[in-house]
Amino acid sequence: MGVRRGWGGVITALAAVFGVVGLVSPASAAAGPSAEQLFAAADRVVHLRASAADRALLASVPEVADKVVDPARTKVEFDRGQPAKAALAGGAGTAAKTGVGAQASEYNWAYVKVTYYSTTGFQVYTWRQYVEWYYDYVVVTGWKNRLDFIDYNDGTANFSPGFYTNYADRPGGRSAVSVMQKAVQHCWIQYGCWGWSYPRTQINTFYNGTATWSSFV
């Protein structure tokens, strides 16, 4: 009888333990992804290598997904001033002086602005390159200004000082290119910094005051 009571106590104790395990296991299984998993998924998104599984993983933590820059969602805006219509009406060379050393007859401006959104469509930051250049309808004669602006930042994009890349063609040709590239470290308040991106914009200016652009996320 004593033995039976002893085994009964053991069985009761085991049942209690397994009951606790049964209660704890589902909660453990429901625990969210680790910081390392989130970092890796976010890095693949920002470098255009994300899978559906990566996006699902990030979506499981909305406060993180709201801050992951998704290049597939970028919005690009480009604008420039209008060249002098009187000079253009006469054709190339109408307002020309004598080439590179001559006083420029006109200058114009242009900018390319890129707005970066998260995987869930929230705005993360907006960066703009702005240029002003001189031209004489024969060549680009000089740069007046080359600037960049951070128009908006939600606080999770940390821009390194200066530029990752910054160069411009020397004047004197029928076109001149201005390139700017930044280094941006991305961070989350909850987990820390998870990766870098290197946005790059290019503005192509021309001898007649026109301009085009390209952008690389």
N, C-alpha and C. Protein backbone atom coordinates (compact mmCIF):
# COMPACT_ATOMS: atom_id res chain seq x y z
N MET A 1 0.85 -1.21 0.00
CA MET A 1 0.00 0.00 0.00
C MET A 1 0.87 1.24 0.00
N GLY A 2 1.99 1.16 0.82
CA GLY A 2 2.89 2.31 0.86
C GLY A 2 3.50 2.57 -0.50
N VAL A 3 3.86 1.50 -1.22
CA VAL A 3 4.47 1.67 -2.54
C VAL A 3 3.47 2.30 -3.51
N ARG A 4 2.24 1.82 -3.45
CA ARG A 4 1.23 2.36 -4.36
C ARG A 4 1.02 3.85 -4.11
N ARG A 5 1.05 4.21 -2.81
CA ARG A 5 0.88 5.63 -2.53
C ARG A 5 2.07 6.44 -3.06
N GLY A 6 3.27 5.88 -2.96
CA GLY A 6 4.47 6.57 -3.45
C GLY A 6 4.41 6.79 -4.95
N TRP A 7 4.05 5.69 -5.69
CA TRP A 7 3.95 5.85 -7.15
C TRP A 7 2.85 6.83 -7.54
N GLY A 8 1.80 6.80 -6.75
CA GLY A 8 0.72 7.74 -7.04
C GLY A 8 1.20 9.18 -6.90
N GLY A 9 2.04 9.41 -5.88
CA GLY A 9 2.58 10.75 -5.70
C GLY A 9 3.48 11.17 -6.86
N VAL A 10 4.30 10.20 -7.34
CA VAL A 10 5.19 10.49 -8.47
C VAL A 10 4.39 10.80 -9.71
N ILE A 11 3.38 9.98 -9.97
CA ILE A 11 2.54 10.19 -11.15
C ILE A 11 1.85 11.54 -11.08
N THR A 12 1.36 11.89 -9.88
CA THR A 12 0.71 13.18 -9.71
C THR A 12 1.69 14.32 -9.98
N ALA A 13 2.92 14.16 -9.47
CA ALA A 13 3.93 15.19 -9.67
C ALA A 13 4.29 15.34 -11.13
N LEU A 14 4.46 14.19 -11.81
CA LEU A 14 4.78 14.22 -13.23
C LEU A 14 3.68 14.88 -14.04
N ALA A 15 2.44 14.55 -13.68
CA ALA A 15 1.30 15.14 -14.38
C ALA A 15 1.31 16.66 -14.22
N ALA A 16 1.66 17.09 -13.01
CA ALA A 16 1.70 18.53 -12.77
C ALA A 16 2.79 19.19 -13.60
N VAL A 17 3.98 18.53 -13.67
CA VAL A 17 5.09 19.07 -14.46
C VAL A 17 4.72 19.17 -15.92
N PHE A 18 4.19 18.05 -16.47
CA PHE A 18 3.82 18.06 -17.89
C PHE A 18 2.70 19.03 -18.18
N GLY A 19 1.85 19.22 -17.20
CA GLY A 19 0.79 20.21 -17.37
C GLY A 19 1.37 21.60 -17.51
N VAL A 20 2.39 21.92 -16.68
CA VAL A 20 3.04 23.22 -16.76
C VAL A 20 3.76 23.35 -18.09
N VAL A 21 4.48 22.27 -18.52
CA VAL A 21 5.18 22.29 -19.80
C VAL A 21 4.19 22.52 -20.93
N GLY A 22 3.05 21.84 -20.83
CA GLY A 22 2.04 22.00 -21.87
C GLY A 22 1.54 23.41 -21.95
N LEU A 23 1.51 24.11 -20.81
CA LEU A 23 1.05 25.49 -20.82
C LEU A 23 2.13 26.44 -21.33
N VAL A 24 3.40 26.14 -21.05
CA VAL A 24 4.49 27.03 -21.40
C VAL A 24 4.86 26.91 -22.86
N SER A 25 4.84 25.70 -23.42
CA SER A 25 5.32 25.48 -24.78
C SER A 25 4.65 26.33 -25.83
N PRO A 26 3.30 26.43 -25.83
CA PRO A 26 2.68 27.27 -26.86
C PRO A 26 3.15 28.72 -26.80
N ALA A 27 3.34 29.24 -25.59
CA ALA A 27 3.81 30.61 -25.47
C ALA A 27 5.20 30.76 -26.05
N SER A 28 6.07 29.75 -25.78
CA SER A 28 7.42 29.79 -26.31
C SER A 28 7.39 29.75 -27.82
N ALA A 29 6.52 28.90 -28.36
CA ALA A 29 6.43 28.77 -29.82
C ALA A 29 5.94 30.06 -30.45
N ALA A 30 5.15 30.84 -29.69
CA ALA A 30 4.58 32.06 -30.25
C ALA A 30 5.52 33.26 -30.13
N ALA A 31 6.71 33.06 -29.51
CA ALA A 31 7.65 34.16 -29.34
C ALA A 31 8.06 34.70 -30.70
N GLY A 32 8.30 36.01 -30.76
CA GLY A 32 8.62 36.65 -32.03
C GLY A 32 10.00 36.29 -32.53
N PRO A 33 10.33 36.72 -33.77
CA PRO A 33 11.65 36.44 -34.34
C PRO A 33 12.74 37.16 -33.56
N SER A 34 13.95 36.65 -33.65
CA SER A 34 15.08 37.25 -32.96
C SER A 34 15.53 38.51 -33.69
N ALA A 35 16.32 39.32 -33.00
CA ALA A 35 16.86 40.53 -33.62
C ALA A 35 17.71 40.17 -34.83
N GLU A 36 18.48 39.09 -34.71
CA GLU A 36 19.35 38.67 -35.81
C GLU A 36 18.53 38.30 -37.05
N GLN A 37 17.42 37.63 -36.85
CA GLN A 37 16.56 37.26 -37.97
C GLN A 37 15.96 38.51 -38.63
N LEU A 38 15.54 39.47 -37.81
CA LEU A 38 14.97 40.71 -38.34
C LEU A 38 16.04 41.51 -39.09
N PHE A 39 17.25 41.57 -38.53
CA PHE A 39 18.34 42.30 -39.18
C PHE A 39 18.61 41.72 -40.57
N ALA A 40 18.72 40.41 -40.65
CA ALA A 40 19.04 39.75 -41.91
C ALA A 40 17.94 39.98 -42.95
N ALA A 41 16.69 39.87 -42.51
CA ALA A 41 15.57 40.07 -43.45
C ALA A 41 15.53 41.52 -43.94
N ALA A 42 15.73 42.47 -43.04
CA ALA A 42 15.71 43.88 -43.41
C ALA A 42 16.84 44.21 -44.37
N ASP A 43 18.01 43.64 -44.13
CA ASP A 43 19.14 43.89 -45.01
C ASP A 43 18.88 43.37 -46.42
N ARG A 44 18.21 42.23 -46.51
CA ARG A 44 17.88 41.70 -47.84
C ARG A 44 16.84 42.58 -48.54
N VAL A 45 15.92 43.16 -47.78
CA VAL A 45 14.93 44.06 -48.38
C VAL A 45 15.62 45.29 -48.96
N VAL A 46 16.46 45.94 -48.18
CA VAL A 46 17.07 47.19 -48.62
C VAL A 46 18.04 46.98 -49.77
N HIS A 47 18.53 45.73 -49.95
CA HIS A 47 19.43 45.44 -51.07
C HIS A 47 18.75 44.62 -52.16
N LEU A 48 17.40 44.66 -52.15
CA LEU A 48 16.60 44.06 -53.23
C LEU A 48 16.84 42.56 -53.39
N ARG A 49 17.04 41.87 -52.27
CA ARG A 49 17.22 40.41 -52.33
C ARG A 49 16.20 39.68 -51.46
N ALA A 50 15.15 40.36 -51.04
CA ALA A 50 14.21 39.79 -50.08
C ALA A 50 13.31 38.75 -50.72
N SER A 51 12.97 37.74 -49.95
CA SER A 51 12.01 36.73 -50.36
C SER A 51 10.66 37.04 -49.72
N ALA A 52 9.65 36.31 -50.12
CA ALA A 52 8.33 36.47 -49.51
C ALA A 52 8.40 36.13 -48.02
N ALA A 53 9.24 35.15 -47.68
CA ALA A 53 9.40 34.77 -46.27
C ALA A 53 10.01 35.91 -45.46
N ASP A 54 10.97 36.64 -46.05
CA ASP A 54 11.57 37.78 -45.35
C ASP A 54 10.51 38.85 -45.06
N ARG A 55 9.69 39.12 -46.05
CA ARG A 55 8.67 40.15 -45.87
C ARG A 55 7.62 39.72 -44.85
N ALA A 56 7.29 38.44 -44.85
CA ALA A 56 6.33 37.93 -43.87
C ALA A 56 6.90 38.02 -42.46
N LEU A 57 8.20 37.72 -42.34
CA LEU A 57 8.86 37.80 -41.03
C LEU A 57 8.81 39.22 -40.50
N LEU A 58 9.14 40.18 -41.33
CA LEU A 58 9.12 41.58 -40.90
C LEU A 58 7.70 42.05 -40.59
N ALA A 59 6.75 41.59 -41.38
CA ALA A 59 5.36 41.99 -41.16
C ALA A 59 4.83 41.48 -39.81
N SER A 60 5.47 40.44 -39.28
CA SER A 60 5.03 39.91 -37.98
C SER A 60 5.40 40.84 -36.83
N VAL A 61 6.25 41.83 -37.10
CA VAL A 61 6.62 42.83 -36.09
C VAL A 61 6.35 44.20 -36.72
N PRO A 62 5.11 44.68 -36.68
CA PRO A 62 4.72 45.90 -37.41
C PRO A 62 5.57 47.12 -37.09
N GLU A 63 5.97 47.28 -35.83
CA GLU A 63 6.74 48.48 -35.49
C GLU A 63 8.12 48.46 -36.15
N VAL A 64 8.57 47.29 -36.55
CA VAL A 64 9.82 47.15 -37.30
C VAL A 64 9.56 47.32 -38.79
N ALA A 65 8.55 46.63 -39.30
CA ALA A 65 8.22 46.69 -40.73
C ALA A 65 7.95 48.13 -41.17
N ASP A 66 7.40 48.94 -40.28
CA ASP A 66 7.10 50.33 -40.60
C ASP A 66 8.35 51.17 -40.86
N LYS A 67 9.53 50.64 -40.46
CA LYS A 67 10.77 51.41 -40.55
C LYS A 67 11.80 50.79 -41.48
N VAL A 68 11.48 49.73 -42.18
CA VAL A 68 12.43 49.08 -43.09
C VAL A 68 12.32 49.72 -44.47
N VAL A 69 13.37 50.37 -44.92
CA VAL A 69 13.36 51.01 -46.23
C VAL A 69 13.23 49.96 -47.32
N ASP A 70 12.24 50.14 -48.17
CA ASP A 70 11.98 49.20 -49.26
C ASP A 70 12.20 49.93 -50.59
N PRO A 71 13.34 49.70 -51.26
CA PRO A 71 13.62 50.41 -52.52
C PRO A 71 12.53 50.23 -53.58
N ALA A 72 11.79 49.13 -53.50
CA ALA A 72 10.72 48.90 -54.48
C ALA A 72 9.60 49.93 -54.35
N ARG A 73 9.58 50.66 -53.23
CA ARG A 73 8.51 51.64 -53.00
C ARG A 73 8.97 53.09 -53.16
N THR A 74 10.18 53.32 -53.63
CA THR A 74 10.67 54.69 -53.73
C THR A 74 9.86 55.52 -54.72
N LYS A 75 9.79 56.80 -54.45
CA LYS A 75 9.14 57.75 -55.34
C LYS A 75 10.17 58.80 -55.76
N VAL A 76 10.32 59.01 -57.06
CA VAL A 76 11.31 59.95 -57.57
C VAL A 76 10.59 61.13 -58.22
N GLU A 77 11.02 62.34 -57.84
CA GLU A 77 10.50 63.56 -58.44
C GLU A 77 11.66 64.33 -59.06
N PHE A 78 11.46 64.82 -60.28
CA PHE A 78 12.49 65.58 -60.97
C PHE A 78 11.87 66.87 -61.49
N ASP A 79 12.61 67.97 -61.36
CA ASP A 79 12.11 69.23 -61.88
C ASP A 79 13.30 70.08 -62.29
N ARG A 80 13.08 71.01 -63.21
CA ARG A 80 14.11 71.94 -63.64
C ARG A 80 13.45 73.22 -64.13
N GLY A 81 14.23 74.30 -64.16
CA GLY A 81 13.74 75.54 -64.71
C GLY A 81 13.65 75.47 -66.23
N GLN A 82 13.03 76.45 -66.81
CA GLN A 82 12.88 76.49 -68.27
C GLN A 82 14.02 77.30 -68.90
N PRO A 83 14.71 76.73 -69.89
CA PRO A 83 15.75 77.50 -70.59
C PRO A 83 15.15 78.72 -71.27
N ALA A 84 16.01 79.66 -71.60
CA ALA A 84 15.53 80.89 -72.26
C ALA A 84 14.91 80.55 -73.60
N LYS A 85 13.62 80.85 -73.75
CA LYS A 85 12.91 80.43 -74.95
C LYS A 85 13.40 81.17 -76.20
N ALA A 86 13.78 82.42 -76.05
CA ALA A 86 14.22 83.19 -77.22
C ALA A 86 15.47 82.58 -77.84
N ALA A 87 16.39 82.17 -76.99
CA ALA A 87 17.62 81.58 -77.49
C ALA A 87 17.35 80.23 -78.13
N LEU A 88 16.50 79.43 -77.49
CA LEU A 88 16.20 78.11 -78.02
C LEU A 88 15.46 78.20 -79.35
N ALA A 89 14.64 79.22 -79.51
CA ALA A 89 13.86 79.34 -80.72
C ALA A 89 14.74 79.51 -81.95
N GLY A 90 15.93 80.11 -81.73
CA GLY A 90 16.82 80.32 -82.85
C GLY A 90 17.70 79.15 -83.17
N GLY A 91 17.62 78.10 -82.36
CA GLY A 91 18.45 76.93 -82.60
C GLY A 91 19.74 76.98 -81.83
N ALA A 92 20.44 75.85 -81.74
CA ALA A 92 21.69 75.75 -81.00
C ALA A 92 22.71 76.73 -81.56
N GLY A 93 23.37 77.43 -80.66
CA GLY A 93 24.42 78.34 -81.07
C GLY A 93 23.96 79.78 -81.21
N THR A 94 22.68 80.03 -81.17
CA THR A 94 22.19 81.40 -81.37
C THR A 94 22.74 82.37 -80.33
N ALA A 95 22.79 81.90 -79.08
CA ALA A 95 23.23 82.80 -78.02
C ALA A 95 24.69 82.55 -77.64
N ALA A 96 25.40 81.76 -78.42
CA ALA A 96 26.76 81.40 -78.07
C ALA A 96 27.72 82.57 -78.18
N LYS A 97 28.73 82.54 -77.31
CA LYS A 97 29.79 83.54 -77.40
C LYS A 97 30.96 82.90 -78.16
N THR A 98 32.00 82.51 -77.42
CA THR A 98 33.16 81.90 -78.09
C THR A 98 33.63 80.62 -77.41
N GLY A 99 32.77 79.96 -76.64
CA GLY A 99 33.18 78.69 -76.05
C GLY A 99 33.38 78.77 -74.56
N VAL A 100 34.29 77.91 -74.05
CA VAL A 100 34.43 77.70 -72.60
C VAL A 100 34.82 78.97 -71.87
N GLY A 101 35.68 79.77 -72.46
CA GLY A 101 36.16 80.95 -71.75
C GLY A 101 35.21 82.12 -71.79
N ALA A 102 34.15 82.01 -72.51
CA ALA A 102 33.23 83.13 -72.66
C ALA A 102 32.32 83.26 -71.45
N GLN A 103 31.77 84.44 -71.28
CA GLN A 103 30.79 84.65 -70.23
C GLN A 103 29.53 83.86 -70.55
N ALA A 104 29.04 83.12 -69.55
CA ALA A 104 27.84 82.32 -69.80
C ALA A 104 26.65 83.23 -70.03
N SER A 105 25.80 82.85 -70.98
CA SER A 105 24.65 83.67 -71.29
C SER A 105 23.44 83.34 -70.42
N GLU A 106 23.38 82.12 -69.90
CA GLU A 106 22.22 81.69 -69.11
C GLU A 106 22.68 80.72 -68.02
N TYR A 107 21.83 80.56 -67.01
CA TYR A 107 22.01 79.43 -66.10
C TYR A 107 20.63 78.85 -65.78
N ASN A 108 20.62 77.60 -65.40
CA ASN A 108 19.37 76.94 -65.07
C ASN A 108 19.58 76.09 -63.82
N TRP A 109 18.49 75.57 -63.30
CA TRP A 109 18.55 74.72 -62.11
C TRP A 109 17.78 73.43 -62.35
N ALA A 110 18.09 72.42 -61.56
CA ALA A 110 17.38 71.14 -61.62
C ALA A 110 17.57 70.41 -60.31
N TYR A 111 16.62 69.56 -59.97
CA TYR A 111 16.82 68.70 -58.80
C TYR A 111 16.16 67.35 -59.05
N VAL A 112 16.69 66.35 -58.35
CA VAL A 112 16.05 65.03 -58.30
C VAL A 112 15.85 64.71 -56.82
N LYS A 113 14.60 64.44 -56.47
CA LYS A 113 14.24 64.17 -55.07
C LYS A 113 13.69 62.75 -54.97
N VAL A 114 14.26 61.96 -54.05
CA VAL A 114 13.83 60.57 -53.89
C VAL A 114 13.26 60.40 -52.49
N THR A 115 12.02 59.91 -52.43
CA THR A 115 11.37 59.63 -51.15
C THR A 115 11.38 58.12 -50.92
N TYR A 116 11.91 57.72 -49.78
CA TYR A 116 12.04 56.31 -49.45
C TYR A 116 10.95 55.91 -48.46
N TYR A 117 10.22 54.86 -48.81
CA TYR A 117 9.13 54.35 -47.98
C TYR A 117 9.49 52.99 -47.40
N SER A 118 8.78 52.64 -46.32
CA SER A 118 9.01 51.35 -45.67
C SER A 118 8.23 50.24 -46.38
N THR A 119 8.44 49.01 -45.92
CA THR A 119 7.73 47.87 -46.51
C THR A 119 6.23 48.00 -46.35
N THR A 120 5.80 48.77 -45.35
CA THR A 120 4.36 48.95 -45.12
C THR A 120 3.83 50.28 -45.65
N GLY A 121 4.70 51.03 -46.36
CA GLY A 121 4.24 52.24 -47.01
C GLY A 121 4.41 53.53 -46.22
N PHE A 122 5.08 53.49 -45.07
CA PHE A 122 5.32 54.71 -44.31
C PHE A 122 6.56 55.42 -44.84
N GLN A 123 6.53 56.75 -44.86
CA GLN A 123 7.69 57.52 -45.32
C GLN A 123 8.81 57.43 -44.29
N VAL A 124 10.02 57.09 -44.76
CA VAL A 124 11.19 56.99 -43.87
C VAL A 124 12.07 58.23 -44.01
N TYR A 125 12.48 58.57 -45.24
CA TYR A 125 13.22 59.80 -45.44
C TYR A 125 13.14 60.24 -46.90
N THR A 126 13.46 61.52 -47.12
CA THR A 126 13.50 62.10 -48.46
C THR A 126 14.82 62.82 -48.64
N TRP A 127 15.50 62.51 -49.75
CA TRP A 127 16.81 63.11 -50.03
C TRP A 127 16.77 63.75 -51.41
N ARG A 128 17.40 64.93 -51.54
CA ARG A 128 17.36 65.65 -52.80
C ARG A 128 18.75 66.15 -53.20
N GLN A 129 19.09 66.01 -54.48
CA GLN A 129 20.26 66.65 -55.06
C GLN A 129 19.78 67.83 -55.91
N TYR A 130 20.44 68.97 -55.74
CA TYR A 130 20.06 70.19 -56.45
C TYR A 130 21.30 70.78 -57.11
N VAL A 131 21.17 71.20 -58.38
CA VAL A 131 22.29 71.80 -59.08
C VAL A 131 21.83 73.04 -59.85
N GLU A 132 22.78 73.96 -60.06
CA GLU A 132 22.62 75.09 -60.95
C GLU A 132 23.85 75.13 -61.85
N TRP A 133 23.66 75.32 -63.14
CA TRP A 133 24.79 75.32 -64.07
C TRP A 133 24.64 76.42 -65.11
N TYR A 134 25.78 76.86 -65.65
CA TYR A 134 25.82 77.85 -66.71
C TYR A 134 25.98 77.14 -68.05
N TYR A 135 25.41 77.76 -69.09
CA TYR A 135 25.52 77.21 -70.45
C TYR A 135 25.40 78.36 -71.45
N ASP A 136 25.91 78.14 -72.65
CA ASP A 136 25.85 79.20 -73.65
C ASP A 136 25.31 78.69 -75.00
N TYR A 137 24.61 77.58 -74.95
CA TYR A 137 24.00 76.96 -76.12
C TYR A 137 25.02 76.32 -77.08
N VAL A 138 26.27 76.28 -76.62
CA VAL A 138 27.31 75.52 -77.32
C VAL A 138 27.86 74.46 -76.38
N VAL A 139 28.16 74.87 -75.13
CA VAL A 139 28.70 73.96 -74.12
C VAL A 139 28.12 74.32 -72.76
N VAL A 140 28.31 73.43 -71.78
CA VAL A 140 28.10 73.75 -70.37
C VAL A 140 29.34 74.52 -69.93
N THR A 141 29.17 75.73 -69.47
CA THR A 141 30.33 76.59 -69.19
C THR A 141 30.76 76.60 -67.72
N GLY A 142 29.91 76.13 -66.81
CA GLY A 142 30.33 76.12 -65.42
C GLY A 142 29.22 75.68 -64.48
N TRP A 143 29.63 75.35 -63.23
CA TRP A 143 28.68 75.04 -62.16
C TRP A 143 28.49 76.28 -61.30
N LYS A 144 27.26 76.58 -60.99
CA LYS A 144 26.97 77.67 -60.06
C LYS A 144 26.79 77.14 -58.64
N ASN A 145 26.01 76.05 -58.49
CA ASN A 145 25.79 75.42 -57.18
C ASN A 145 25.58 73.93 -57.35
N ARG A 146 26.07 73.18 -56.38
CA ARG A 146 25.77 71.75 -56.26
C ARG A 146 25.50 71.48 -54.78
N LEU A 147 24.25 71.14 -54.44
CA LEU A 147 23.84 71.01 -53.05
C LEU A 147 23.02 69.74 -52.86
N ASP A 148 22.89 69.31 -51.60
CA ASP A 148 21.95 68.24 -51.30
C ASP A 148 21.20 68.58 -50.02
N PHE A 149 19.99 68.04 -49.89
CA PHE A 149 19.11 68.33 -48.76
C PHE A 149 18.45 67.05 -48.27
N ILE A 150 18.29 66.93 -46.96
CA ILE A 150 17.43 65.91 -46.36
C ILE A 150 16.11 66.61 -46.06
N ASP A 151 15.12 66.38 -46.89
CA ASP A 151 13.85 67.08 -46.72
C ASP A 151 13.02 66.50 -45.58
N TYR A 152 13.20 65.20 -45.29
CA TYR A 152 12.43 64.57 -44.20
C TYR A 152 13.19 63.34 -43.73
N ASN A 153 13.13 63.10 -42.42
CA ASN A 153 13.74 61.91 -41.83
C ASN A 153 12.91 61.51 -40.61
N ASP A 154 12.45 60.28 -40.58
CA ASP A 154 11.63 59.85 -39.44
C ASP A 154 12.45 59.54 -38.20
N GLY A 155 13.78 59.70 -38.29
CA GLY A 155 14.65 59.49 -37.14
C GLY A 155 15.38 58.16 -37.16
N THR A 156 15.07 57.28 -38.10
CA THR A 156 15.72 55.96 -38.13
C THR A 156 16.82 55.88 -39.19
N ALA A 157 16.97 56.93 -40.01
CA ALA A 157 18.02 56.96 -41.04
C ALA A 157 19.12 57.91 -40.58
N ASN A 158 20.29 57.36 -40.31
CA ASN A 158 21.41 58.16 -39.83
C ASN A 158 22.41 58.38 -40.97
N PHE A 159 22.52 59.63 -41.43
CA PHE A 159 23.38 59.96 -42.55
C PHE A 159 24.80 60.23 -42.06
N SER A 160 25.78 59.56 -42.68
CA SER A 160 27.17 59.84 -42.37
C SER A 160 27.52 61.24 -42.84
N PRO A 161 28.45 61.91 -42.15
CA PRO A 161 28.84 63.26 -42.59
C PRO A 161 29.43 63.23 -44.01
N GLY A 162 29.18 64.27 -44.75
CA GLY A 162 29.73 64.35 -46.08
C GLY A 162 29.07 63.38 -47.05
N PHE A 163 29.84 62.96 -48.04
CA PHE A 163 29.31 62.11 -49.10
C PHE A 163 30.10 60.82 -49.20
N TYR A 164 29.43 59.77 -49.60
CA TYR A 164 30.10 58.52 -49.95
C TYR A 164 30.76 58.68 -51.32
N THR A 165 30.05 59.34 -52.24
CA THR A 165 30.58 59.72 -53.55
C THR A 165 30.07 61.11 -53.88
N ASN A 166 30.95 61.95 -54.43
CA ASN A 166 30.55 63.30 -54.81
C ASN A 166 31.48 63.78 -55.91
N TYR A 167 30.99 63.85 -57.13
CA TYR A 167 31.84 64.36 -58.20
C TYR A 167 30.99 65.01 -59.29
N ALA A 168 31.67 65.81 -60.09
CA ALA A 168 31.00 66.49 -61.21
C ALA A 168 32.00 66.61 -62.36
N ASP A 169 31.49 66.51 -63.57
CA ASP A 169 32.32 66.71 -64.75
C ASP A 169 32.85 68.15 -64.80
N ARG A 170 34.03 68.30 -65.37
CA ARG A 170 34.53 69.65 -65.63
C ARG A 170 33.72 70.25 -66.77
N PRO A 171 33.41 71.53 -66.67
CA PRO A 171 32.66 72.18 -67.76
C PRO A 171 33.47 72.19 -69.05
N GLY A 172 32.79 72.46 -70.14
CA GLY A 172 33.46 72.57 -71.42
C GLY A 172 32.91 71.65 -72.49
N GLY A 173 32.09 70.68 -72.10
CA GLY A 173 31.48 69.79 -73.06
C GLY A 173 30.02 70.15 -73.28
N ARG A 174 29.41 69.43 -74.16
CA ARG A 174 28.00 69.68 -74.45
C ARG A 174 27.10 69.18 -73.31
N SER A 175 27.65 68.39 -72.43
CA SER A 175 26.91 67.95 -71.24
C SER A 175 27.88 67.84 -70.07
N ALA A 176 27.34 67.85 -68.87
CA ALA A 176 28.14 67.69 -67.66
C ALA A 176 27.28 66.97 -66.61
N VAL A 177 27.89 66.02 -65.94
CA VAL A 177 27.19 65.16 -65.00
C VAL A 177 27.54 65.54 -63.57
N SER A 178 26.53 65.55 -62.69
CA SER A 178 26.73 65.73 -61.25
C SER A 178 26.22 64.49 -60.54
N VAL A 179 27.08 63.86 -59.73
CA VAL A 179 26.72 62.64 -59.01
C VAL A 179 26.92 62.86 -57.51
N MET A 180 25.92 62.48 -56.74
CA MET A 180 26.03 62.50 -55.28
C MET A 180 25.54 61.17 -54.73
N GLN A 181 26.24 60.68 -53.72
CA GLN A 181 25.86 59.42 -53.07
C GLN A 181 26.10 59.55 -51.57
N LYS A 182 25.14 59.08 -50.79
CA LYS A 182 25.23 59.15 -49.34
C LYS A 182 25.40 57.75 -48.75
N ALA A 183 25.91 57.71 -47.53
CA ALA A 183 25.96 56.47 -46.75
C ALA A 183 24.97 56.62 -45.60
N VAL A 184 23.99 55.72 -45.53
CA VAL A 184 22.91 55.83 -44.54
C VAL A 184 22.87 54.58 -43.68
N GLN A 185 22.99 54.75 -42.38
CA GLN A 185 22.85 53.64 -41.44
C GLN A 185 21.42 53.62 -40.91
N HIS A 186 20.81 52.44 -40.95
CA HIS A 186 19.41 52.30 -40.55
C HIS A 186 19.33 51.64 -39.17
N CYS A 187 18.51 52.23 -38.30
CA CYS A 187 18.42 51.75 -36.91
C CYS A 187 16.96 51.68 -36.46
N TRP A 188 16.73 50.79 -35.50
CA TRP A 188 15.43 50.69 -34.84
C TRP A 188 15.63 50.98 -33.36
N ILE A 189 14.71 51.69 -32.78
CA ILE A 189 14.81 52.00 -31.35
C ILE A 189 14.82 50.73 -30.52
N GLN A 190 14.01 49.74 -30.93
CA GLN A 190 13.85 48.53 -30.12
C GLN A 190 15.08 47.60 -30.18
N TYR A 191 15.77 47.56 -31.34
CA TYR A 191 16.79 46.53 -31.55
C TYR A 191 18.18 47.08 -31.86
N GLY A 192 18.28 48.32 -32.26
CA GLY A 192 19.57 48.86 -32.64
C GLY A 192 19.71 48.99 -34.15
N CYS A 193 20.94 49.19 -34.61
CA CYS A 193 21.20 49.45 -36.02
C CYS A 193 21.37 48.14 -36.78
N TRP A 194 20.72 48.04 -37.93
CA TRP A 194 20.67 46.75 -38.63
C TRP A 194 21.36 46.75 -39.98
N GLY A 195 21.71 47.89 -40.55
CA GLY A 195 22.38 47.82 -41.85
C GLY A 195 22.57 49.19 -42.49
N TRP A 196 23.18 49.16 -43.67
CA TRP A 196 23.51 50.37 -44.41
C TRP A 196 22.91 50.33 -45.81
N SER A 197 22.63 51.52 -46.36
CA SER A 197 22.30 51.64 -47.77
C SER A 197 23.06 52.85 -48.32
N TYR A 198 23.15 52.91 -49.65
CA TYR A 198 23.99 53.92 -50.29
C TYR A 198 23.24 54.58 -51.46
N PRO A 199 22.24 55.41 -51.16
CA PRO A 199 21.46 56.04 -52.23
C PRO A 199 22.33 56.96 -53.08
N ARG A 200 22.07 56.95 -54.38
CA ARG A 200 22.90 57.71 -55.34
C ARG A 200 21.98 58.35 -56.38
N THR A 201 22.23 59.62 -56.67
CA THR A 201 21.48 60.29 -57.72
C THR A 201 22.46 60.94 -58.70
N GLN A 202 22.01 61.07 -59.93
CA GLN A 202 22.82 61.68 -60.98
C GLN A 202 21.95 62.64 -61.78
N ILE A 203 22.48 63.84 -62.00
CA ILE A 203 21.81 64.83 -62.84
C ILE A 203 22.70 65.11 -64.04
N ASN A 204 22.14 64.99 -65.22
CA ASN A 204 22.87 65.23 -66.46
C ASN A 204 22.42 66.59 -67.02
N THR A 205 23.33 67.54 -67.05
CA THR A 205 23.00 68.88 -67.54
C THR A 205 23.53 69.04 -68.97
N PHE A 206 22.89 69.91 -69.76
CA PHE A 206 23.24 70.05 -71.18
C PHE A 206 23.47 71.50 -71.58
N TYR A 207 24.12 71.66 -72.71
CA TYR A 207 24.55 72.95 -73.26
C TYR A 207 23.38 73.90 -73.53
N ASN A 208 22.17 73.38 -73.65
CA ASN A 208 21.02 74.21 -74.01
C ASN A 208 20.08 74.45 -72.82
N GLY A 209 20.53 74.11 -71.61
CA GLY A 209 19.72 74.37 -70.42
C GLY A 209 18.79 73.26 -70.02
N THR A 210 18.77 72.17 -70.76
CA THR A 210 17.94 71.04 -70.39
C THR A 210 18.70 70.11 -69.44
N ALA A 211 18.00 69.15 -68.85
CA ALA A 211 18.63 68.22 -67.91
C ALA A 211 17.80 66.95 -67.82
N THR A 212 18.47 65.86 -67.50
CA THR A 212 17.82 64.59 -67.22
C THR A 212 18.39 64.05 -65.92
N TRP A 213 17.90 62.92 -65.48
CA TRP A 213 18.32 62.39 -64.19
C TRP A 213 18.33 60.86 -64.22
N SER A 214 18.99 60.29 -63.21
CA SER A 214 18.89 58.86 -62.90
C SER A 214 19.10 58.72 -61.40
N SER A 215 18.59 57.63 -60.84
CA SER A 215 18.67 57.41 -59.40
C SER A 215 18.94 55.95 -59.11
N PHE A 216 19.75 55.69 -58.10
CA PHE A 216 20.09 54.33 -57.71
C PHE A 216 19.87 54.20 -56.21
N VAL A 217 19.09 53.21 -55.81
CA VAL A 217 18.74 53.08 -54.40
C VAL A 217 19.82 52.37 -53.62
